[in-house]
């Protein structure tokens, strides 16, 4: 598992270059990070619900995109919706 996931720190692009400094994550890394199974990650990718990129046939993920996806899908007080 990448160091950023083990340490709990969030990795972001460097301000000077805007480039991603860390390694791209694989499906098993994302599954472990989210506490889900790898087949769930694969289904979400196929359905277009989980942010990812393709390098040929390989699917890779940026931790920053996964963290943003989590924030965007959170339910609760911060959503601002009245029910």
PDB file of N, CA and C in Angstrom:
ATOM      1  N   UNK A   1       0.852  -1.167   0.000  1.00  0.00           N
ATOM      2  CA  UNK A   1       0.000   0.000   0.000  1.00  0.00           C
ATOM      3  C   UNK A   1       0.900   1.234   0.000  1.00  0.00           C
ATOM      4  N   UNK A   2       0.567   2.270  -0.774  1.00  0.00           N
ATOM      5  CA  UNK A   2       1.392   3.472  -0.805  1.00  0.00           C
ATOM      6  C   UNK A   2       1.516   4.114   0.572  1.00  0.00           C
ATOM      7  N   UNK A   3       2.649   4.748   0.802  1.00  0.00           N
ATOM      8  CA  UNK A   3       2.940   5.373   2.093  1.00  0.00           C
ATOM      9  C   UNK A   3       1.855   6.359   2.509  1.00  0.00           C
ATOM     10  N   UNK A   4       1.312   7.137   1.573  1.00  0.00           N
ATOM     11  CA  UNK A   4       0.293   8.122   1.915  1.00  0.00           C
ATOM     12  C   UNK A   4      -0.932   7.464   2.539  1.00  0.00           C
ATOM     13  N   UNK A   5      -1.301   6.279   2.073  1.00  0.00           N
ATOM     14  CA  UNK A   5      -2.448   5.585   2.648  1.00  0.00           C
ATOM     15  C   UNK A   5      -2.105   4.992   4.005  1.00  0.00           C
ATOM     16  N   UNK A   6      -0.893   4.467   4.147  1.00  0.00           N
ATOM     17  CA  UNK A   6      -0.490   3.888   5.429  1.00  0.00           C
ATOM     18  C   UNK A   6      -0.426   4.948   6.513  1.00  0.00           C
ATOM     19  N   UNK A   7       0.076   6.130   6.181  1.00  0.00           N
ATOM     20  CA  UNK A   7       0.275   7.153   7.198  1.00  0.00           C
ATOM     21  C   UNK A   7      -0.978   7.967   7.464  1.00  0.00           C
ATOM     22  N   UNK A   8      -1.979   7.866   6.589  1.00  0.00           N
ATOM     23  CA  UNK A   8      -3.206   8.625   6.768  1.00  0.00           C
ATOM     24  C   UNK A   8      -3.107  10.054   6.287  1.00  0.00           C
ATOM     25  N   UNK A   9      -2.001  10.424   5.643  1.00  0.00           N
ATOM     26  CA  UNK A   9      -1.862  11.778   5.138  1.00  0.00           C
ATOM     27  C   UNK A   9      -2.421  11.863   3.731  1.00  0.00           C
ATOM     28  N   UNK A  10      -2.895  13.031   3.376  1.00  0.00           N
ATOM     29  CA  UNK A  10      -3.444  13.229   2.041  1.00  0.00           C
ATOM     30  C   UNK A  10      -2.351  13.763   1.131  1.00  0.00           C
ATOM     31  N   UNK A  11      -2.213  13.174  -0.023  1.00  0.00           N
ATOM     32  CA  UNK A  11      -1.225  13.606  -1.002  1.00  0.00           C
ATOM     33  C   UNK A  11      -1.924  14.499  -2.007  1.00  0.00           C
ATOM     34  N   UNK A  12      -1.327  15.643  -2.306  1.00  0.00           N
ATOM     35  CA  UNK A  12      -1.911  16.562  -3.279  1.00  0.00           C
ATOM     36  C   UNK A  12      -0.868  16.940  -4.311  1.00  0.00           C
ATOM     37  N   UNK A  13      -1.309  17.420  -5.482  1.00  0.00           N
ATOM     38  CA  UNK A  13      -0.341  17.854  -6.489  1.00  0.00           C
ATOM     39  C   UNK A  13       0.537  18.973  -5.948  1.00  0.00           C
ATOM     40  N   UNK A  14       1.758  19.028  -6.422  1.00  0.00           N
ATOM     41  CA  UNK A  14       2.647  20.095  -5.979  1.00  0.00           C
ATOM     42  C   UNK A  14       2.187  21.413  -6.598  1.00  0.00           C
ATOM     43  N   UNK A  15       2.164  22.501  -5.824  1.00  0.00           N
ATOM     44  CA  UNK A  15       1.691  23.792  -6.340  1.00  0.00           C
ATOM     45  C   UNK A  15       2.511  24.297  -7.528  1.00  0.00           C
ATOM     46  N   UNK A  16       3.808  24.060  -7.516  1.00  0.00           N
ATOM     47  CA  UNK A  16       4.667  24.604  -8.578  1.00  0.00           C
ATOM     48  C   UNK A  16       4.367  23.987  -9.942  1.00  0.00           C
ATOM     49  N   UNK A  17       4.138  22.689  -9.969  1.00  0.00           N
ATOM     50  CA  UNK A  17       3.948  22.015 -11.255  1.00  0.00           C
ATOM     51  C   UNK A  17       2.522  21.577 -11.505  1.00  0.00           C
ATOM     52  N   UNK A  18       1.721  21.427 -10.425  1.00  0.00           N
ATOM     53  CA  UNK A  18       0.373  20.910 -10.572  1.00  0.00           C
ATOM     54  C   UNK A  18       0.349  19.432 -10.910  1.00  0.00           C
ATOM     55  N   UNK A  19       1.503  18.792 -10.832  1.00  0.00           N
ATOM     56  CA  UNK A  19       1.603  17.379 -11.175  1.00  0.00           C
ATOM     57  C   UNK A  19       1.431  16.522  -9.928  1.00  0.00           C
ATOM     58  N   UNK A  20       0.979  15.336 -10.140  1.00  0.00           N
ATOM     59  CA  UNK A  20       0.763  14.375  -9.065  1.00  0.00           C
ATOM     60  C   UNK A  20       2.104  13.835  -8.588  1.00  0.00           C
ATOM     61  N   UNK A  21       2.469  14.045  -7.309  1.00  0.00           N
ATOM     62  CA  UNK A  21       3.790  13.631  -6.850  1.00  0.00           C
ATOM     63  C   UNK A  21       3.898  12.158  -6.489  1.00  0.00           C
ATOM     64  N   UNK A  22       2.804  11.540  -6.088  1.00  0.00           N
ATOM     65  CA  UNK A  22       2.875  10.172  -5.602  1.00  0.00           C
ATOM     66  C   UNK A  22       2.492   9.162  -6.658  1.00  0.00           C
ATOM     67  N   UNK A  23       2.598   7.900  -6.293  1.00  0.00           N
ATOM     68  CA  UNK A  23       2.243   6.848  -7.241  1.00  0.00           C
ATOM     69  C   UNK A  23       0.741   6.776  -7.444  1.00  0.00           C
ATOM     70  N   UNK A  24       0.349   6.293  -8.589  1.00  0.00           N
ATOM     71  CA  UNK A  24      -1.064   6.036  -8.824  1.00  0.00           C
ATOM     72  C   UNK A  24      -1.449   4.774  -8.070  1.00  0.00           C
ATOM     73  N   UNK A  25      -2.675   4.735  -7.588  1.00  0.00           N
ATOM     74  CA  UNK A  25      -3.149   3.599  -6.810  1.00  0.00           C
ATOM     75  C   UNK A  25      -3.757   2.543  -7.725  1.00  0.00           C
ATOM     76  N   UNK A  26      -3.703   1.316  -7.291  1.00  0.00           N
ATOM     77  CA  UNK A  26      -4.340   0.215  -8.001  1.00  0.00           C
ATOM     78  C   UNK A  26      -5.653  -0.114  -7.299  1.00  0.00           C
ATOM     79  N   UNK A  27      -6.472  -0.931  -7.933  1.00  0.00           N
ATOM     80  CA  UNK A  27      -7.801  -1.248  -7.404  1.00  0.00           C
ATOM     81  C   UNK A  27      -7.729  -1.847  -5.999  1.00  0.00           C
ATOM     82  N   UNK A  28      -6.749  -2.698  -5.731  1.00  0.00           N
ATOM     83  CA  UNK A  28      -6.665  -3.298  -4.393  1.00  0.00           C
ATOM     84  C   UNK A  28      -6.276  -2.266  -3.334  1.00  0.00           C
ATOM     85  N   UNK A  29      -5.489  -1.249  -3.706  1.00  0.00           N
ATOM     86  CA  UNK A  29      -5.167  -0.166  -2.776  1.00  0.00           C
ATOM     87  C   UNK A  29      -6.424   0.622  -2.430  1.00  0.00           C
ATOM     88  N   UNK A  30      -7.226   0.949  -3.455  1.00  0.00           N
ATOM     89  CA  UNK A  30      -8.459   1.716  -3.248  1.00  0.00           C
ATOM     90  C   UNK A  30      -9.455   0.902  -2.429  1.00  0.00           C
ATOM     91  N   UNK A  31      -9.559  -0.382  -2.716  1.00  0.00           N
ATOM     92  CA  UNK A  31     -10.461  -1.243  -1.955  1.00  0.00           C
ATOM     93  C   UNK A  31     -10.087  -1.248  -0.476  1.00  0.00           C
ATOM     94  N   UNK A  32      -8.805  -1.390  -0.171  1.00  0.00           N
ATOM     95  CA  UNK A  32      -8.353  -1.383   1.221  1.00  0.00           C
ATOM     96  C   UNK A  32      -8.615  -0.030   1.871  1.00  0.00           C
ATOM     97  N   UNK A  33      -8.356   1.038   1.149  1.00  0.00           N
ATOM     98  CA  UNK A  33      -8.560   2.395   1.661  1.00  0.00           C
ATOM     99  C   UNK A  33     -10.031   2.647   1.998  1.00  0.00           C
ATOM    100  N   UNK A  34     -10.937   2.140   1.159  1.00  0.00           N
ATOM    101  CA  UNK A  34     -12.367   2.348   1.364  1.00  0.00           C
ATOM    102  C   UNK A  34     -13.005   1.274   2.242  1.00  0.00           C
ATOM    103  N   UNK A  35     -12.258   0.220   2.542  1.00  0.00           N
ATOM    104  CA  UNK A  35     -12.817  -0.870   3.342  1.00  0.00           C
ATOM    105  C   UNK A  35     -13.818  -1.704   2.558  1.00  0.00           C
ATOM    106  N   UNK A  36     -13.596  -1.791   1.269  1.00  0.00           N
ATOM    107  CA  UNK A  36     -14.483  -2.546   0.379  1.00  0.00           C
ATOM    108  C   UNK A  36     -13.675  -3.649  -0.300  1.00  0.00           C
ATOM    109  N   UNK A  37     -14.390  -4.489  -1.056  1.00  0.00           N
ATOM    110  CA  UNK A  37     -13.716  -5.547  -1.805  1.00  0.00           C
ATOM    111  C   UNK A  37     -13.287  -5.028  -3.167  1.00  0.00           C
ATOM    112  N   UNK A  38     -12.267  -5.659  -3.728  1.00  0.00           N
ATOM    113  CA  UNK A  38     -11.746  -5.247  -5.033  1.00  0.00           C
ATOM    114  C   UNK A  38     -12.803  -5.399  -6.127  1.00  0.00           C
ATOM    115  N   UNK A  39     -13.655  -6.414  -6.042  1.00  0.00           N
ATOM    116  CA  UNK A  39     -14.686  -6.565  -7.065  1.00  0.00           C
ATOM    117  C   UNK A  39     -15.699  -5.422  -7.016  1.00  0.00           C
ATOM    118  N   UNK A  40     -15.938  -4.848  -5.830  1.00  0.00           N
ATOM    119  CA  UNK A  40     -16.816  -3.676  -5.716  1.00  0.00           C
ATOM    120  C   UNK A  40     -16.188  -2.491  -6.449  1.00  0.00           C
ATOM    121  N   UNK A  41     -14.886  -2.281  -6.244  1.00  0.00           N
ATOM    122  CA  UNK A  41     -14.178  -1.199  -6.932  1.00  0.00           C
ATOM    123  C   UNK A  41     -14.298  -1.382  -8.441  1.00  0.00           C
ATOM    124  N   UNK A  42     -14.114  -2.592  -8.916  1.00  0.00           N
ATOM    125  CA  UNK A  42     -14.220  -2.872 -10.357  1.00  0.00           C
ATOM    126  C   UNK A  42     -15.615  -2.567 -10.886  1.00  0.00           C
ATOM    127  N   UNK A  43     -16.647  -2.945 -10.136  1.00  0.00           N
ATOM    128  CA  UNK A  43     -18.025  -2.649 -10.566  1.00  0.00           C
ATOM    129  C   UNK A  43     -18.280  -1.144 -10.615  1.00  0.00           C
ATOM    130  N   UNK A  44     -17.785  -0.414  -9.634  1.00  0.00           N
ATOM    131  CA  UNK A  44     -17.985   1.035  -9.605  1.00  0.00           C
ATOM    132  C   UNK A  44     -17.250   1.711 -10.765  1.00  0.00           C
ATOM    133  N   UNK A  45     -16.084   1.204 -11.118  1.00  0.00           N
ATOM    134  CA  UNK A  45     -15.339   1.736 -12.265  1.00  0.00           C
ATOM    135  C   UNK A  45     -16.124   1.488 -13.547  1.00  0.00           C
ATOM    136  N   UNK A  46     -16.592   0.252 -13.746  1.00  0.00           N
ATOM    137  CA  UNK A  46     -17.359  -0.076 -14.955  1.00  0.00           C
ATOM    138  C   UNK A  46     -18.626   0.766 -15.068  1.00  0.00           C
ATOM    139  N   UNK A  47     -19.247   1.074 -13.936  1.00  0.00           N
ATOM    140  CA  UNK A  47     -20.474   1.872 -13.928  1.00  0.00           C
ATOM    141  C   UNK A  47     -20.182   3.368 -14.059  1.00  0.00           C
ATOM    142  N   UNK A  48     -18.902   3.751 -13.981  1.00  0.00           N
ATOM    143  CA  UNK A  48     -18.526   5.153 -14.112  1.00  0.00           C
ATOM    144  C   UNK A  48     -18.788   5.979 -12.865  1.00  0.00           C
ATOM    145  N   UNK A  49     -18.882   5.319 -11.708  1.00  0.00           N
ATOM    146  CA  UNK A  49     -19.183   6.029 -10.461  1.00  0.00           C
ATOM    147  C   UNK A  49     -17.961   6.334  -9.608  1.00  0.00           C
ATOM    148  N   UNK A  50     -16.817   5.773  -9.942  1.00  0.00           N
ATOM    149  CA  UNK A  50     -15.605   5.972  -9.154  1.00  0.00           C
ATOM    150  C   UNK A  50     -14.557   6.625 -10.047  1.00  0.00           C
ATOM    151  N   UNK A  51     -13.958   7.748  -9.606  1.00  0.00           N
ATOM    152  CA  UNK A  51     -12.979   8.430 -10.465  1.00  0.00           C
ATOM    153  C   UNK A  51     -11.744   7.565 -10.701  1.00  0.00           C
ATOM    154  N   UNK A  52     -11.347   7.479 -11.962  1.00  0.00           N
ATOM    155  CA  UNK A  52     -10.212   6.640 -12.328  1.00  0.00           C
ATOM    156  C   UNK A  52      -9.643   7.116 -13.657  1.00  0.00           C
ATOM    157  N   UNK A  53      -8.498   6.580 -13.993  1.00  0.00           N
ATOM    158  CA  UNK A  53      -7.876   6.828 -15.286  1.00  0.00           C
ATOM    159  C   UNK A  53      -7.402   5.507 -15.846  1.00  0.00           C
ATOM    160  N   UNK A  54      -7.238   5.469 -17.136  1.00  0.00           N
ATOM    161  CA  UNK A  54      -6.767   4.241 -17.778  1.00  0.00           C
ATOM    162  C   UNK A  54      -5.405   4.477 -18.410  1.00  0.00           C
ATOM    163  N   UNK A  55      -4.548   3.510 -18.220  1.00  0.00           N
ATOM    164  CA  UNK A  55      -3.236   3.470 -18.865  1.00  0.00           C
ATOM    165  C   UNK A  55      -3.251   2.189 -19.683  1.00  0.00           C
ATOM    166  N   UNK A  56      -3.670   2.318 -20.927  1.00  0.00           N
ATOM    167  CA  UNK A  56      -3.902   1.116 -21.721  1.00  0.00           C
ATOM    168  C   UNK A  56      -5.110   0.402 -21.142  1.00  0.00           C
ATOM    169  N   UNK A  57      -4.938  -0.852 -20.778  1.00  0.00           N
ATOM    170  CA  UNK A  57      -6.027  -1.615 -20.159  1.00  0.00           C
ATOM    171  C   UNK A  57      -6.029  -1.495 -18.648  1.00  0.00           C
ATOM    172  N   UNK A  58      -4.956  -0.953 -18.077  1.00  0.00           N
ATOM    173  CA  UNK A  58      -4.842  -0.836 -16.622  1.00  0.00           C
ATOM    174  C   UNK A  58      -5.660   0.345 -16.106  1.00  0.00           C
ATOM    175  N   UNK A  59      -6.325   0.141 -14.990  1.00  0.00           N
ATOM    176  CA  UNK A  59      -7.099   1.196 -14.331  1.00  0.00           C
ATOM    177  C   UNK A  59      -6.297   1.661 -13.125  1.00  0.00           C
ATOM    178  N   UNK A  60      -6.134   2.975 -12.995  1.00  0.00           N
ATOM    179  CA  UNK A  60      -5.397   3.541 -11.869  1.00  0.00           C
ATOM    180  C   UNK A  60      -6.204   4.684 -11.255  1.00  0.00           C
ATOM    181  N   UNK A  61      -5.871   5.007 -10.000  1.00  0.00           N
ATOM    182  CA  UNK A  61      -6.613   5.996  -9.226  1.00  0.00           C
ATOM    183  C   UNK A  61      -5.646   6.965  -8.564  1.00  0.00           C
ATOM    184  N   UNK A  62      -6.092   8.217  -8.385  1.00  0.00           N
ATOM    185  CA  UNK A  62      -5.337   9.188  -7.587  1.00  0.00           C
ATOM    186  C   UNK A  62      -6.023   9.288  -6.242  1.00  0.00           C
ATOM    187  N   UNK A  63      -5.260   9.270  -5.168  1.00  0.00           N
ATOM    188  CA  UNK A  63      -5.850   9.358  -3.831  1.00  0.00           C
ATOM    189  C   UNK A  63      -6.644  10.647  -3.685  1.00  0.00           C
ATOM    190  N   UNK A  64      -6.143  11.742  -4.253  1.00  0.00           N
ATOM    191  CA  UNK A  64      -6.845  13.018  -4.156  1.00  0.00           C
ATOM    192  C   UNK A  64      -8.247  12.911  -4.768  1.00  0.00           C
ATOM    193  N   UNK A  65      -8.370  12.227  -5.883  1.00  0.00           N
ATOM    194  CA  UNK A  65      -9.672  12.062  -6.530  1.00  0.00           C
ATOM    195  C   UNK A  65     -10.595  11.178  -5.695  1.00  0.00           C
ATOM    196  N   UNK A  66     -10.050  10.148  -5.090  1.00  0.00           N
ATOM    197  CA  UNK A  66     -10.860   9.274  -4.240  1.00  0.00           C
ATOM    198  C   UNK A  66     -11.335  10.049  -3.010  1.00  0.00           C
ATOM    199  N   UNK A  67     -10.451  10.855  -2.397  1.00  0.00           N
ATOM    200  CA  UNK A  67     -10.847  11.665  -1.249  1.00  0.00           C
ATOM    201  C   UNK A  67     -11.938  12.664  -1.629  1.00  0.00           C
ATOM    202  N   UNK A  68     -11.822  13.295  -2.796  1.00  0.00           N
ATOM    203  CA  UNK A  68     -12.846  14.234  -3.261  1.00  0.00           C
ATOM    204  C   UNK A  68     -14.162  13.508  -3.520  1.00  0.00           C
ATOM    205  N   UNK A  69     -14.097  12.303  -4.070  1.00  0.00           N
ATOM    206  CA  UNK A  69     -15.294  11.497  -4.319  1.00  0.00           C
ATOM    207  C   UNK A  69     -15.995  11.165  -3.003  1.00  0.00           C
ATOM    208  N   UNK A  70     -15.212  10.829  -1.966  1.00  0.00           N
ATOM    209  CA  UNK A  70     -15.789  10.548  -0.642  1.00  0.00           C
ATOM    210  C   UNK A  70     -16.504  11.782  -0.119  1.00  0.00           C
ATOM    211  N   UNK A  71     -15.840  12.945  -0.177  1.00  0.00           N
ATOM    212  CA  UNK A  71     -16.454  14.180   0.314  1.00  0.00           C
ATOM    213  C   UNK A  71     -17.737  14.506  -0.448  1.00  0.00           C
ATOM    214  N   UNK A  72     -17.731  14.321  -1.757  1.00  0.00           N
ATOM    215  CA  UNK A  72     -18.902  14.634  -2.582  1.00  0.00           C
ATOM    216  C   UNK A  72     -20.065  13.691  -2.298  1.00  0.00           C
ATOM    217  N   UNK A  73     -19.782  12.494  -1.820  1.00  0.00           N
ATOM    218  CA  UNK A  73     -20.834  11.513  -1.571  1.00  0.00           C
ATOM    219  C   UNK A  73     -21.229  11.404  -0.106  1.00  0.00           C
ATOM    220  N   UNK A  74     -20.660  12.251   0.749  1.00  0.00           N
ATOM    221  CA  UNK A  74     -21.026  12.225   2.159  1.00  0.00           C
ATOM    222  C   UNK A  74     -22.444  12.730   2.344  1.00  0.00           C
ATOM    223  N   UNK A  75     -23.140  12.117   3.262  1.00  0.00           N
ATOM    224  CA  UNK A  75     -24.497  12.533   3.626  1.00  0.00           C
ATOM    225  C   UNK A  75     -24.433  13.172   5.008  1.00  0.00           C
ATOM    226  N   UNK A  76     -25.343  14.089   5.290  1.00  0.00           N
ATOM    227  CA  UNK A  76     -25.391  14.638   6.624  1.00  0.00           C
ATOM    228  C   UNK A  76     -25.482  16.137   6.653  1.00  0.00           C
ATOM    229  N   UNK A  77     -25.041  16.707   7.751  1.00  0.00           N
ATOM    230  CA  UNK A  77     -25.214  18.125   8.032  1.00  0.00           C
ATOM    231  C   UNK A  77     -24.579  19.027   6.973  1.00  0.00           C
ATOM    232  N   UNK A  78     -23.473  18.625   6.379  1.00  0.00           N
ATOM    233  CA  UNK A  78     -22.783  19.498   5.437  1.00  0.00           C
ATOM    234  C   UNK A  78     -23.455  19.539   4.066  1.00  0.00           C
ATOM    235  N   UNK A  79     -24.448  18.664   3.821  1.00  0.00           N
ATOM    236  CA  UNK A  79     -25.066  18.638   2.494  1.00  0.00           C
ATOM    237  C   UNK A  79     -25.923  19.860   2.245  1.00  0.00           C
ATOM    238  N   UNK A  80     -26.468  20.495   3.320  1.00  0.00           N
ATOM    239  CA  UNK A  80     -27.257  21.705   3.156  1.00  0.00           C
ATOM    240  C   UNK A  80     -28.674  21.466   2.677  1.00  0.00           C
ATOM    241  N   UNK A  81     -29.051  20.201   2.494  1.00  0.00           N
ATOM    242  CA  UNK A  81     -30.400  19.906   2.043  1.00  0.00           C
ATOM    243  C   UNK A  81     -31.339  19.781   3.223  1.00  0.00           C
ATOM    244  N   UNK A  82     -32.560  20.283   3.043  1.00  0.00           N
ATOM    245  CA  UNK A  82     -33.587  20.157   4.061  1.00  0.00           C
ATOM    246  C   UNK A  82     -34.547  19.078   3.604  1.00  0.00           C
ATOM    247  N   UNK A  83     -34.878  18.197   4.529  1.00  0.00           N
ATOM    248  CA  UNK A  83     -35.789  17.098   4.151  1.00  0.00           C
ATOM    249  C   UNK A  83     -37.113  17.259   4.829  1.00  0.00           C
TER     250      UNK A  83
END
